[in-house]
Full PDB file with SEQRES, HELIX, SHEET, SSBOND, CRYST1, ORIGX, SCALE, CONECT and MASTER records, all heavy atoms in Angstrom:
SEQRES   1 A   36  SER ARG VAL ALA LYS GLY ARG PHE ALA ARG ALA GLU THR          
SEQRES   2 A   36  LEU ARG THR GLN ARG SER HIS ARG GLU PHE HIS ALA GLU          
SEQRES   3 A   36  VAL ALA ARG ALA MET TYR GLY PHE LEU GLY                      
HELIX    1 AA1 ARG A    2  THR A   13  1                                  12    
HELIX    2 AA2 HIS A   20  LEU A   35  1                                  16    
CRYST1    1.000    1.000    1.000  90.00  90.00  90.00 P 1           1          
ORIGX1      1.000000  0.000000  0.000000        0.00000                         
ORIGX2      0.000000  1.000000  0.000000        0.00000                         
ORIGX3      0.000000  0.000000  1.000000        0.00000                         
SCALE1      1.000000  0.000000  0.000000        0.00000                         
SCALE2      0.000000  1.000000  0.000000        0.00000                         
SCALE3      0.000000  0.000000  1.000000        0.00000                         
ATOM      1  N   SER A   1      -9.640  11.394   6.880  1.00  0.00           N  
ATOM      2  CA  SER A   1      -8.227  11.522   6.501  1.00  0.00           C  
ATOM      3  C   SER A   1      -7.311  11.402   7.709  1.00  0.00           C  
ATOM      4  O   SER A   1      -6.263  10.755   7.641  1.00  0.00           O  
ATOM      5  CB  SER A   1      -7.981  12.861   5.809  1.00  0.00           C  
ATOM      6  OG  SER A   1      -8.660  12.893   4.589  1.00  0.00           O  
ATOM      7  N   ARG A   2      -7.694  12.007   8.811  1.00  0.00           N  
ATOM      8  CA  ARG A   2      -6.866  11.967  10.019  1.00  0.00           C  
ATOM      9  C   ARG A   2      -6.734  10.542  10.547  1.00  0.00           C  
ATOM     10  O   ARG A   2      -5.644  10.091  10.902  1.00  0.00           O  
ATOM     11  CB  ARG A   2      -7.460  12.888  11.088  1.00  0.00           C  
ATOM     12  CG  ARG A   2      -6.605  13.017  12.318  1.00  0.00           C  
ATOM     13  CD  ARG A   2      -7.152  14.026  13.312  1.00  0.00           C  
ATOM     14  NE  ARG A   2      -8.531  13.758  13.676  1.00  0.00           N  
ATOM     15  CZ  ARG A   2      -9.548  14.583  13.426  1.00  0.00           C  
ATOM     16  NH1 ARG A   2      -9.353  15.722  12.822  1.00  0.00           N  
ATOM     17  NH2 ARG A   2     -10.769  14.270  13.796  1.00  0.00           N  
ATOM     18  N   VAL A   3      -7.829   9.807  10.558  1.00  0.00           N  
ATOM     19  CA  VAL A   3      -7.799   8.422  11.032  1.00  0.00           C  
ATOM     20  C   VAL A   3      -6.969   7.556  10.086  1.00  0.00           C  
ATOM     21  O   VAL A   3      -6.164   6.730  10.528  1.00  0.00           O  
ATOM     22  CB  VAL A   3      -9.237   7.867  11.181  1.00  0.00           C  
ATOM     23  CG1 VAL A   3      -9.232   6.382  11.456  1.00  0.00           C  
ATOM     24  CG2 VAL A   3      -9.981   8.612  12.277  1.00  0.00           C  
ATOM     25  N   ALA A   4      -7.125   7.754   8.786  1.00  0.00           N  
ATOM     26  CA  ALA A   4      -6.357   6.979   7.811  1.00  0.00           C  
ATOM     27  C   ALA A   4      -4.862   7.264   7.947  1.00  0.00           C  
ATOM     28  O   ALA A   4      -4.039   6.342   7.858  1.00  0.00           O  
ATOM     29  CB  ALA A   4      -6.834   7.290   6.392  1.00  0.00           C  
ATOM     30  N   LYS A   5      -4.494   8.516   8.178  1.00  0.00           N  
ATOM     31  CA  LYS A   5      -3.073   8.848   8.367  1.00  0.00           C  
ATOM     32  C   LYS A   5      -2.515   8.148   9.598  1.00  0.00           C  
ATOM     33  O   LYS A   5      -1.376   7.689   9.603  1.00  0.00           O  
ATOM     34  CB  LYS A   5      -2.894  10.357   8.498  1.00  0.00           C  
ATOM     35  CG  LYS A   5      -3.001  11.071   7.190  1.00  0.00           C  
ATOM     36  CD  LYS A   5      -2.841  12.563   7.365  1.00  0.00           C  
ATOM     37  CE  LYS A   5      -3.114  13.269   6.058  1.00  0.00           C  
ATOM     38  NZ  LYS A   5      -3.064  14.730   6.201  1.00  0.00           N  
ATOM     39  N   GLY A   6      -3.316   8.050  10.640  1.00  0.00           N  
ATOM     40  CA  GLY A   6      -2.876   7.332  11.837  1.00  0.00           C  
ATOM     41  C   GLY A   6      -2.649   5.863  11.561  1.00  0.00           C  
ATOM     42  O   GLY A   6      -1.670   5.264  12.040  1.00  0.00           O  
ATOM     43  N   ARG A   7      -3.519   5.276  10.763  1.00  0.00           N  
ATOM     44  CA  ARG A   7      -3.349   3.862  10.410  1.00  0.00           C  
ATOM     45  C   ARG A   7      -2.152   3.656   9.494  1.00  0.00           C  
ATOM     46  O   ARG A   7      -1.449   2.649   9.593  1.00  0.00           O  
ATOM     47  CB  ARG A   7      -4.625   3.332   9.766  1.00  0.00           C  
ATOM     48  CG  ARG A   7      -5.728   3.148  10.785  1.00  0.00           C  
ATOM     49  CD  ARG A   7      -6.891   2.380  10.223  1.00  0.00           C  
ATOM     50  NE  ARG A   7      -7.856   2.110  11.270  1.00  0.00           N  
ATOM     51  CZ  ARG A   7      -9.159   2.294  11.128  1.00  0.00           C  
ATOM     52  NH1 ARG A   7      -9.642   2.729   9.983  1.00  0.00           N  
ATOM     53  NH2 ARG A   7      -9.975   2.026  12.114  1.00  0.00           N  
ATOM     54  N   PHE A   8      -1.910   4.605   8.603  1.00  0.00           N  
ATOM     55  CA  PHE A   8      -0.713   4.522   7.763  1.00  0.00           C  
ATOM     56  C   PHE A   8       0.546   4.626   8.611  1.00  0.00           C  
ATOM     57  O   PHE A   8       1.535   3.949   8.331  1.00  0.00           O  
ATOM     58  CB  PHE A   8      -0.717   5.618   6.703  1.00  0.00           C  
ATOM     59  CG  PHE A   8      -1.393   5.230   5.419  1.00  0.00           C  
ATOM     60  CD1 PHE A   8      -1.652   6.179   4.459  1.00  0.00           C  
ATOM     61  CD2 PHE A   8      -1.753   3.930   5.151  1.00  0.00           C  
ATOM     62  CE1 PHE A   8      -2.259   5.838   3.268  1.00  0.00           C  
ATOM     63  CE2 PHE A   8      -2.355   3.570   3.976  1.00  0.00           C  
ATOM     64  CZ  PHE A   8      -2.615   4.533   3.023  1.00  0.00           C  
ATOM     65  N   ALA A   9       0.520   5.472   9.629  1.00  0.00           N  
ATOM     66  CA  ALA A   9       1.678   5.583  10.522  1.00  0.00           C  
ATOM     67  C   ALA A   9       1.912   4.267  11.242  1.00  0.00           C  
ATOM     68  O   ALA A   9       3.050   3.823  11.397  1.00  0.00           O  
ATOM     69  CB  ALA A   9       1.464   6.716  11.520  1.00  0.00           C  
ATOM     70  N   ARG A  10       0.840   3.625  11.662  1.00  0.00           N  
ATOM     71  CA  ARG A  10       0.967   2.310  12.306  1.00  0.00           C  
ATOM     72  C   ARG A  10       1.515   1.295  11.316  1.00  0.00           C  
ATOM     73  O   ARG A  10       2.366   0.467  11.657  1.00  0.00           O  
ATOM     74  CB  ARG A  10      -0.377   1.862  12.847  1.00  0.00           C  
ATOM     75  CG  ARG A  10      -0.419   0.405  13.276  1.00  0.00           C  
ATOM     76  CD  ARG A  10      -0.829   0.213  14.693  1.00  0.00           C  
ATOM     77  NE  ARG A  10      -1.109  -1.171  15.013  1.00  0.00           N  
ATOM     78  CZ  ARG A  10      -0.174  -2.088  15.239  1.00  0.00           C  
ATOM     79  NH1 ARG A  10       1.097  -1.772  15.158  1.00  0.00           N  
ATOM     80  NH2 ARG A  10      -0.510  -3.326  15.540  1.00  0.00           N  
ATOM     81  N   ALA A  11       1.027   1.336  10.078  1.00  0.00           N  
ATOM     82  CA  ALA A  11       1.519   0.417   9.047  1.00  0.00           C  
ATOM     83  C   ALA A  11       3.010   0.639   8.816  1.00  0.00           C  
ATOM     84  O   ALA A  11       3.765  -0.326   8.636  1.00  0.00           O  
ATOM     85  CB  ALA A  11       0.750   0.612   7.743  1.00  0.00           C  
ATOM     86  N   GLU A  12       3.437   1.879   8.847  1.00  0.00           N  
ATOM     87  CA  GLU A  12       4.854   2.183   8.654  1.00  0.00           C  
ATOM     88  C   GLU A  12       5.711   1.512   9.724  1.00  0.00           C  
ATOM     89  O   GLU A  12       6.792   1.013   9.434  1.00  0.00           O  
ATOM     90  CB  GLU A  12       5.071   3.702   8.685  1.00  0.00           C  
ATOM     91  CG  GLU A  12       6.480   4.142   8.442  1.00  0.00           C  
ATOM     92  CD  GLU A  12       6.971   3.898   7.032  1.00  0.00           C  
ATOM     93  OE1 GLU A  12       6.185   4.049   6.084  1.00  0.00           O  
ATOM     94  OE2 GLU A  12       8.149   3.541   6.888  1.00  0.00           O  
ATOM     95  N   THR A  13       5.210   1.454  10.953  1.00  0.00           N  
ATOM     96  CA  THR A  13       5.967   0.792  12.023  1.00  0.00           C  
ATOM     97  C   THR A  13       6.005  -0.724  11.828  1.00  0.00           C  
ATOM     98  O   THR A  13       6.888  -1.386  12.353  1.00  0.00           O  
ATOM     99  CB  THR A  13       5.391   1.102  13.422  1.00  0.00           C  
ATOM    100  OG1 THR A  13       4.087   0.539  13.530  1.00  0.00           O  
ATOM    101  CG2 THR A  13       5.356   2.593  13.679  1.00  0.00           C  
ATOM    102  N   LEU A  14       5.048  -1.254  11.089  1.00  0.00           N  
ATOM    103  CA  LEU A  14       4.986  -2.698  10.827  1.00  0.00           C  
ATOM    104  C   LEU A  14       5.740  -3.095   9.564  1.00  0.00           C  
ATOM    105  O   LEU A  14       5.734  -4.258   9.180  1.00  0.00           O  
ATOM    106  CB  LEU A  14       3.525  -3.138  10.689  1.00  0.00           C  
ATOM    107  CG  LEU A  14       2.668  -3.019  11.941  1.00  0.00           C  
ATOM    108  CD1 LEU A  14       1.208  -3.229  11.588  1.00  0.00           C  
ATOM    109  CD2 LEU A  14       3.120  -4.003  12.993  1.00  0.00           C  
ATOM    110  N   ARG A  15       6.373  -2.141   8.922  1.00  0.00           N  
ATOM    111  CA  ARG A  15       7.030  -2.397   7.640  1.00  0.00           C  
ATOM    112  C   ARG A  15       8.365  -3.100   7.835  1.00  0.00           C  
ATOM    113  O   ARG A  15       9.430  -2.569   7.585  1.00  0.00           O  
ATOM    114  CB  ARG A  15       7.217  -1.090   6.888  1.00  0.00           C  
ATOM    115  CG  ARG A  15       7.279  -1.297   5.393  1.00  0.00           C  
ATOM    116  CD  ARG A  15       7.536  -0.028   4.717  1.00  0.00           C  
ATOM    117  NE  ARG A  15       8.976   0.195   4.782  1.00  0.00           N  
ATOM    118  CZ  ARG A  15       9.579   1.279   4.393  1.00  0.00           C  
ATOM    119  NH1 ARG A  15       8.886   2.281   3.940  1.00  0.00           N  
ATOM    120  NH2 ARG A  15      10.889   1.394   4.470  1.00  0.00           N  
ATOM    121  N   THR A  16       8.279  -4.335   8.272  1.00  0.00           N  
ATOM    122  CA  THR A  16       9.460  -5.168   8.427  1.00  0.00           C  
ATOM    123  C   THR A  16       9.204  -6.496   7.736  1.00  0.00           C  
ATOM    124  O   THR A  16       8.053  -6.863   7.487  1.00  0.00           O  
ATOM    125  CB  THR A  16       9.778  -5.423   9.915  1.00  0.00           C  
ATOM    126  OG1 THR A  16       8.700  -6.166  10.497  1.00  0.00           O  
ATOM    127  CG2 THR A  16       9.999  -4.132  10.672  1.00  0.00           C  
ATOM    128  N   GLN A  17      10.259  -7.207   7.466  1.00  0.00           N  
ATOM    129  CA  GLN A  17      10.122  -8.512   6.805  1.00  0.00           C  
ATOM    130  C   GLN A  17       9.304  -9.473   7.660  1.00  0.00           C  
ATOM    131  O   GLN A  17       8.555 -10.278   7.149  1.00  0.00           O  
ATOM    132  CB  GLN A  17      11.509  -9.100   6.542  1.00  0.00           C  
ATOM    133  CG  GLN A  17      12.354  -8.246   5.656  1.00  0.00           C  
ATOM    134  CD  GLN A  17      12.585  -8.874   4.312  1.00  0.00           C  
ATOM    135  OE1 GLN A  17      12.447 -10.063   4.150  1.00  0.00           O  
ATOM    136  NE2 GLN A  17      12.940  -8.056   3.356  1.00  0.00           N  
ATOM    137  N   ARG A  18       9.469  -9.356   8.975  1.00  0.00           N  
ATOM    138  CA  ARG A  18       8.805 -10.292   9.876  1.00  0.00           C  
ATOM    139  C   ARG A  18       7.298 -10.045   9.989  1.00  0.00           C  
ATOM    140  O   ARG A  18       6.531 -10.972  10.223  1.00  0.00           O  
ATOM    141  CB  ARG A  18       9.450 -10.186  11.257  1.00  0.00           C  
ATOM    142  CG  ARG A  18       9.400 -11.455  12.041  1.00  0.00           C  
ATOM    143  CD  ARG A  18      10.031 -11.270  13.365  1.00  0.00           C  
ATOM    144  NE  ARG A  18       9.248 -10.245  14.057  1.00  0.00           N  
ATOM    145  CZ  ARG A  18       9.593  -9.665  15.173  1.00  0.00           C  
ATOM    146  NH1 ARG A  18      10.715  -9.954  15.746  1.00  0.00           N  
ATOM    147  NH2 ARG A  18       8.836  -8.763  15.734  1.00  0.00           N  
ATOM    148  N   SER A  19       6.869  -8.807   9.836  1.00  0.00           N  
ATOM    149  CA  SER A  19       5.449  -8.509  10.031  1.00  0.00           C  
ATOM    150  C   SER A  19       4.813  -7.939   8.769  1.00  0.00           C  
ATOM    151  O   SER A  19       3.948  -7.074   8.843  1.00  0.00           O  
ATOM    152  CB  SER A  19       5.275  -7.552  11.204  1.00  0.00           C  
ATOM    153  OG  SER A  19       6.010  -6.372  10.996  1.00  0.00           O  
ATOM    154  N   HIS A  20       5.213  -8.448   7.605  1.00  0.00           N  
ATOM    155  CA  HIS A  20       4.669  -7.903   6.359  1.00  0.00           C  
ATOM    156  C   HIS A  20       3.174  -8.177   6.208  1.00  0.00           C  
ATOM    157  O   HIS A  20       2.463  -7.381   5.627  1.00  0.00           O  
ATOM    158  CB  HIS A  20       5.446  -8.411   5.143  1.00  0.00           C  
ATOM    159  CG  HIS A  20       5.173  -9.825   4.782  1.00  0.00           C  
ATOM    160  ND1 HIS A  20       5.718 -10.883   5.463  1.00  0.00           N  
ATOM    161  CD2 HIS A  20       4.405 -10.349   3.802  1.00  0.00           C  
ATOM    162  CE1 HIS A  20       5.298 -12.004   4.921  1.00  0.00           C  
ATOM    163  NE2 HIS A  20       4.501 -11.711   3.910  1.00  0.00           N  
ATOM    164  N   ARG A  21       2.675  -9.267   6.737  1.00  0.00           N  
ATOM    165  CA  ARG A  21       1.235  -9.546   6.648  1.00  0.00           C  
ATOM    166  C   ARG A  21       0.435  -8.543   7.479  1.00  0.00           C  
ATOM    167  O   ARG A  21      -0.611  -8.061   7.039  1.00  0.00           O  
ATOM    168  CB  ARG A  21       0.942 -10.970   7.077  1.00  0.00           C  
ATOM    169  CG  ARG A  21       1.536 -12.006   6.133  1.00  0.00           C  
ATOM    170  CD  ARG A  21       1.093 -13.422   6.463  1.00  0.00           C  
ATOM    171  NE  ARG A  21       1.933 -14.418   5.837  1.00  0.00           N  
ATOM    172  CZ  ARG A  21       1.970 -14.703   4.547  1.00  0.00           C  
ATOM    173  NH1 ARG A  21       1.226 -14.035   3.717  1.00  0.00           N  
ATOM    174  NH2 ARG A  21       2.763 -15.645   4.078  1.00  0.00           N  
ATOM    175  N   GLU A  22       0.922  -8.221   8.657  1.00  0.00           N  
ATOM    176  CA  GLU A  22       0.260  -7.223   9.495  1.00  0.00           C  
ATOM    177  C   GLU A  22       0.313  -5.847   8.847  1.00  0.00           C  
ATOM    178  O   GLU A  22      -0.620  -5.062   8.939  1.00  0.00           O  
ATOM    179  CB  GLU A  22       0.893  -7.170  10.893  1.00  0.00           C  
ATOM    180  CG  GLU A  22       0.676  -8.412  11.723  1.00  0.00           C  
ATOM    181  CD  GLU A  22       1.716  -9.499  11.449  1.00  0.00           C  
ATOM    182  OE1 GLU A  22       2.650  -9.282  10.649  1.00  0.00           O  
ATOM    183  OE2 GLU A  22       1.593 -10.577  12.045  1.00  0.00           O  
ATOM    184  N   PHE A  23       1.426  -5.564   8.186  1.00  0.00           N  
ATOM    185  CA  PHE A  23       1.568  -4.299   7.458  1.00  0.00           C  
ATOM    186  C   PHE A  23       0.459  -4.157   6.425  1.00  0.00           C  
ATOM    187  O   PHE A  23      -0.239  -3.138   6.368  1.00  0.00           O  
ATOM    188  CB  PHE A  23       2.943  -4.238   6.773  1.00  0.00           C  
ATOM    189  CG  PHE A  23       3.055  -3.172   5.722  1.00  0.00           C  
ATOM    190  CD1 PHE A  23       3.316  -1.871   6.071  1.00  0.00           C  
ATOM    191  CD2 PHE A  23       2.890  -3.486   4.375  1.00  0.00           C  
ATOM    192  CE1 PHE A  23       3.421  -0.878   5.098  1.00  0.00           C  
ATOM    193  CE2 PHE A  23       2.989  -2.516   3.402  1.00  0.00           C  
ATOM    194  CZ  PHE A  23       3.253  -1.208   3.768  1.00  0.00           C  
ATOM    195  N   HIS A  24       0.285  -5.185   5.594  1.00  0.00           N  
ATOM    196  CA  HIS A  24      -0.737  -5.119   4.544  1.00  0.00           C  
ATOM    197  C   HIS A  24      -2.144  -5.104   5.135  1.00  0.00           C  
ATOM    198  O   HIS A  24      -3.042  -4.467   4.585  1.00  0.00           O  
ATOM    199  CB  HIS A  24      -0.549  -6.267   3.549  1.00  0.00           C  
ATOM    200  CG  HIS A  24       0.629  -6.053   2.659  1.00  0.00           C  
ATOM    201  ND1 HIS A  24       1.864  -6.578   2.940  1.00  0.00           N  
ATOM    202  CD2 HIS A  24       0.781  -5.342   1.528  1.00  0.00           C  
ATOM    203  CE1 HIS A  24       2.716  -6.214   2.010  1.00  0.00           C  
ATOM    204  NE2 HIS A  24       2.086  -5.458   1.134  1.00  0.00           N  
ATOM    205  N   ALA A  25      -2.344  -5.785   6.238  1.00  0.00           N  
ATOM    206  CA  ALA A  25      -3.654  -5.750   6.900  1.00  0.00           C  
ATOM    207  C   ALA A  25      -3.962  -4.336   7.389  1.00  0.00           C  
ATOM    208  O   ALA A  25      -5.100  -3.853   7.258  1.00  0.00           O  
ATOM    209  CB  ALA A  25      -3.685  -6.735   8.066  1.00  0.00           C  
ATOM    210  N   GLU A  26      -2.964  -3.658   7.924  1.00  0.00           N  
ATOM    211  CA  GLU A  26      -3.170  -2.290   8.424  1.00  0.00           C  
ATOM    212  C   GLU A  26      -3.430  -1.312   7.281  1.00  0.00           C  
ATOM    213  O   GLU A  26      -4.270  -0.419   7.397  1.00  0.00           O  
ATOM    214  CB  GLU A  26      -1.974  -1.844   9.262  1.00  0.00           C  
ATOM    215  CG  GLU A  26      -2.228  -0.608  10.067  1.00  0.00           C  
ATOM    216  CD  GLU A  26      -3.271  -0.779  11.153  1.00  0.00           C  
ATOM    217  OE1 GLU A  26      -3.487  -1.902  11.648  1.00  0.00           O  
ATOM    218  OE2 GLU A  26      -3.906   0.234  11.510  1.00  0.00           O  
ATOM    219  N   VAL A  27      -2.738  -1.474   6.172  1.00  0.00           N  
ATOM    220  CA  VAL A  27      -2.995  -0.626   5.004  1.00  0.00           C  
ATOM    221  C   VAL A  27      -4.428  -0.848   4.513  1.00  0.00           C  
ATOM    222  O   VAL A  27      -5.150   0.109   4.212  1.00  0.00           O  
ATOM    223  CB  VAL A  27      -1.972  -0.892   3.876  1.00  0.00           C  
ATOM    224  CG1 VAL A  27      -2.367  -0.173   2.590  1.00  0.00           C  
ATOM    225  CG2 VAL A  27      -0.570  -0.469   4.309  1.00  0.00           C  
ATOM    226  N   ALA A  28      -4.855  -2.102   4.444  1.00  0.00           N  
ATOM    227  CA  ALA A  28      -6.224  -2.395   4.018  1.00  0.00           C  
ATOM    228  C   ALA A  28      -7.234  -1.808   4.995  1.00  0.00           C  
ATOM    229  O   ALA A  28      -8.254  -1.243   4.577  1.00  0.00           O  
ATOM    230  CB  ALA A  28      -6.424  -3.906   3.889  1.00  0.00           C  
ATOM    231  N   ARG A  29      -6.974  -1.916   6.306  1.00  0.00           N  
ATOM    232  CA  ARG A  29      -7.862  -1.307   7.301  1.00  0.00           C  
ATOM    233  C   ARG A  29      -7.959   0.199   7.116  1.00  0.00           C  
ATOM    234  O   ARG A  29      -9.034   0.781   7.214  1.00  0.00           O  
ATOM    235  CB  ARG A  29      -7.380  -1.620   8.719  1.00  0.00           C  
ATOM    236  CG  ARG A  29      -8.039  -2.830   9.334  1.00  0.00           C  
ATOM    237  CD  ARG A  29      -7.783  -2.924  10.836  1.00  0.00           C  
ATOM    238  NE  ARG A  29      -6.374  -3.124  11.170  1.00  0.00           N  
ATOM    239  CZ  ARG A  29      -5.742  -4.275  11.123  1.00  0.00           C  
ATOM    240  NH1 ARG A  29      -6.373  -5.360  10.741  1.00  0.00           N  
ATOM    241  NH2 ARG A  29      -4.466  -4.366  11.463  1.00  0.00           N  
ATOM    242  N   ALA A  30      -6.832   0.829   6.823  1.00  0.00           N  
ATOM    243  CA  ALA A  30      -6.828   2.276   6.587  1.00  0.00           C  
ATOM    244  C   ALA A  30      -7.690   2.626   5.376  1.00  0.00           C  
ATOM    245  O   ALA A  30      -8.494   3.567   5.421  1.00  0.00           O  
ATOM    246  CB  ALA A  30      -5.396   2.774   6.378  1.00  0.00           C  
ATOM    247  N   MET A  31      -7.535   1.847   4.322  1.00  0.00           N  
ATOM    248  CA  MET A  31      -8.280   2.145   3.092  1.00  0.00           C  
ATOM    249  C   MET A  31      -9.774   1.872   3.250  1.00  0.00           C  
ATOM    250  O   MET A  31     -10.607   2.670   2.827  1.00  0.00           O  
ATOM    251  CB  MET A  31      -7.704   1.347   1.930  1.00  0.00           C  
ATOM    252  CG  MET A  31      -6.288   1.785   1.575  1.00  0.00           C  
ATOM    253  SD  MET A  31      -5.648   0.978   0.121  1.00  0.00           S  
ATOM    254  CE  MET A  31      -6.554   1.866  -1.141  1.00  0.00           C  
ATOM    255  N   TYR A  32     -10.126   0.735   3.859  1.00  0.00           N  
ATOM    256  CA  TYR A  32     -11.542   0.443   4.074  1.00  0.00           C  
ATOM    257  C   TYR A  32     -12.160   1.428   5.069  1.00  0.00           C  
ATOM    258  O   TYR A  32     -13.292   1.876   4.888  1.00  0.00           O  
ATOM    259  CB  TYR A  32     -11.731  -0.993   4.579  1.00  0.00           C  
ATOM    260  CG  TYR A  32     -11.775  -2.017   3.479  1.00  0.00           C  
ATOM    261  CD1 TYR A  32     -10.821  -3.017   3.403  1.00  0.00           C  
ATOM    262  CD2 TYR A  32     -12.788  -2.004   2.527  1.00  0.00           C  
ATOM    263  CE1 TYR A  32     -10.851  -3.975   2.395  1.00  0.00           C  
ATOM    264  CE2 TYR A  32     -12.833  -2.953   1.516  1.00  0.00           C  
ATOM    265  CZ  TYR A  32     -11.868  -3.930   1.457  1.00  0.00           C  
ATOM    266  OH  TYR A  32     -11.919  -4.868   0.447  1.00  0.00           O  
ATOM    267  N   GLY A  33     -11.427   1.767   6.112  1.00  0.00           N  
ATOM    268  CA  GLY A  33     -11.930   2.722   7.090  1.00  0.00           C  
ATOM    269  C   GLY A  33     -12.160   4.091   6.479  1.00  0.00           C  
ATOM    270  O   GLY A  33     -13.172   4.745   6.739  1.00  0.00           O  
ATOM    271  N   PHE A  34     -11.217   4.531   5.657  1.00  0.00           N  
ATOM    272  CA  PHE A  34     -11.343   5.816   4.964  1.00  0.00           C  
ATOM    273  C   PHE A  34     -12.592   5.822   4.095  1.00  0.00           C  
ATOM    274  O   PHE A  34     -13.388   6.765   4.128  1.00  0.00           O  
ATOM    275  CB  PHE A  34     -10.096   6.067   4.120  1.00  0.00           C  
ATOM    276  CG  PHE A  34     -10.134   7.331   3.325  1.00  0.00           C  
ATOM    277  CD1 PHE A  34      -9.862   8.544   3.925  1.00  0.00           C  
ATOM    278  CD2 PHE A  34     -10.426   7.301   1.973  1.00  0.00           C  
ATOM    279  CE1 PHE A  34      -9.887   9.726   3.189  1.00  0.00           C  
ATOM    280  CE2 PHE A  34     -10.449   8.469   1.233  1.00  0.00           C  
ATOM    281  CZ  PHE A  34     -10.179   9.678   1.841  1.00  0.00           C  
ATOM    282  N   LEU A  35     -12.765   4.761   3.334  1.00  0.00           N  
ATOM    283  CA  LEU A  35     -13.914   4.660   2.446  1.00  0.00           C  
ATOM    284  C   LEU A  35     -15.221   4.623   3.228  1.00  0.00           C  
ATOM    285  O   LEU A  35     -16.187   5.311   2.884  1.00  0.00           O  
ATOM    286  CB  LEU A  35     -13.787   3.414   1.566  1.00  0.00           C  
ATOM    287  CG  LEU A  35     -14.798   3.252   0.454  1.00  0.00           C  
ATOM    288  CD1 LEU A  35     -14.708   4.419  -0.519  1.00  0.00           C  
ATOM    289  CD2 LEU A  35     -14.543   1.951  -0.283  1.00  0.00           C  
ATOM    290  N   GLY A  36     -15.257   3.827   4.294  1.00  0.00           N  
ATOM    291  CA  GLY A  36     -16.462   3.755   5.124  1.00  0.00           C  
ATOM    292  C   GLY A  36     -16.808   5.091   5.733  1.00  0.00           C  
ATOM    293  O   GLY A  36     -17.987   5.483   5.765  1.00  0.00           O  
TER     294      GLY A  36                                                      
MASTER        0    0    0    2    0    0    0    6  293    1    0    3          
END                                                                             
């Protein structure tokens, strides 16, 4: 949970129109990492 929250925080910083692909990649990394 702690690692996933850190990745969500990083995704939040990427939440811009210019970096929306990186945002979604970071959310997916958080979810896959949490599950793993």
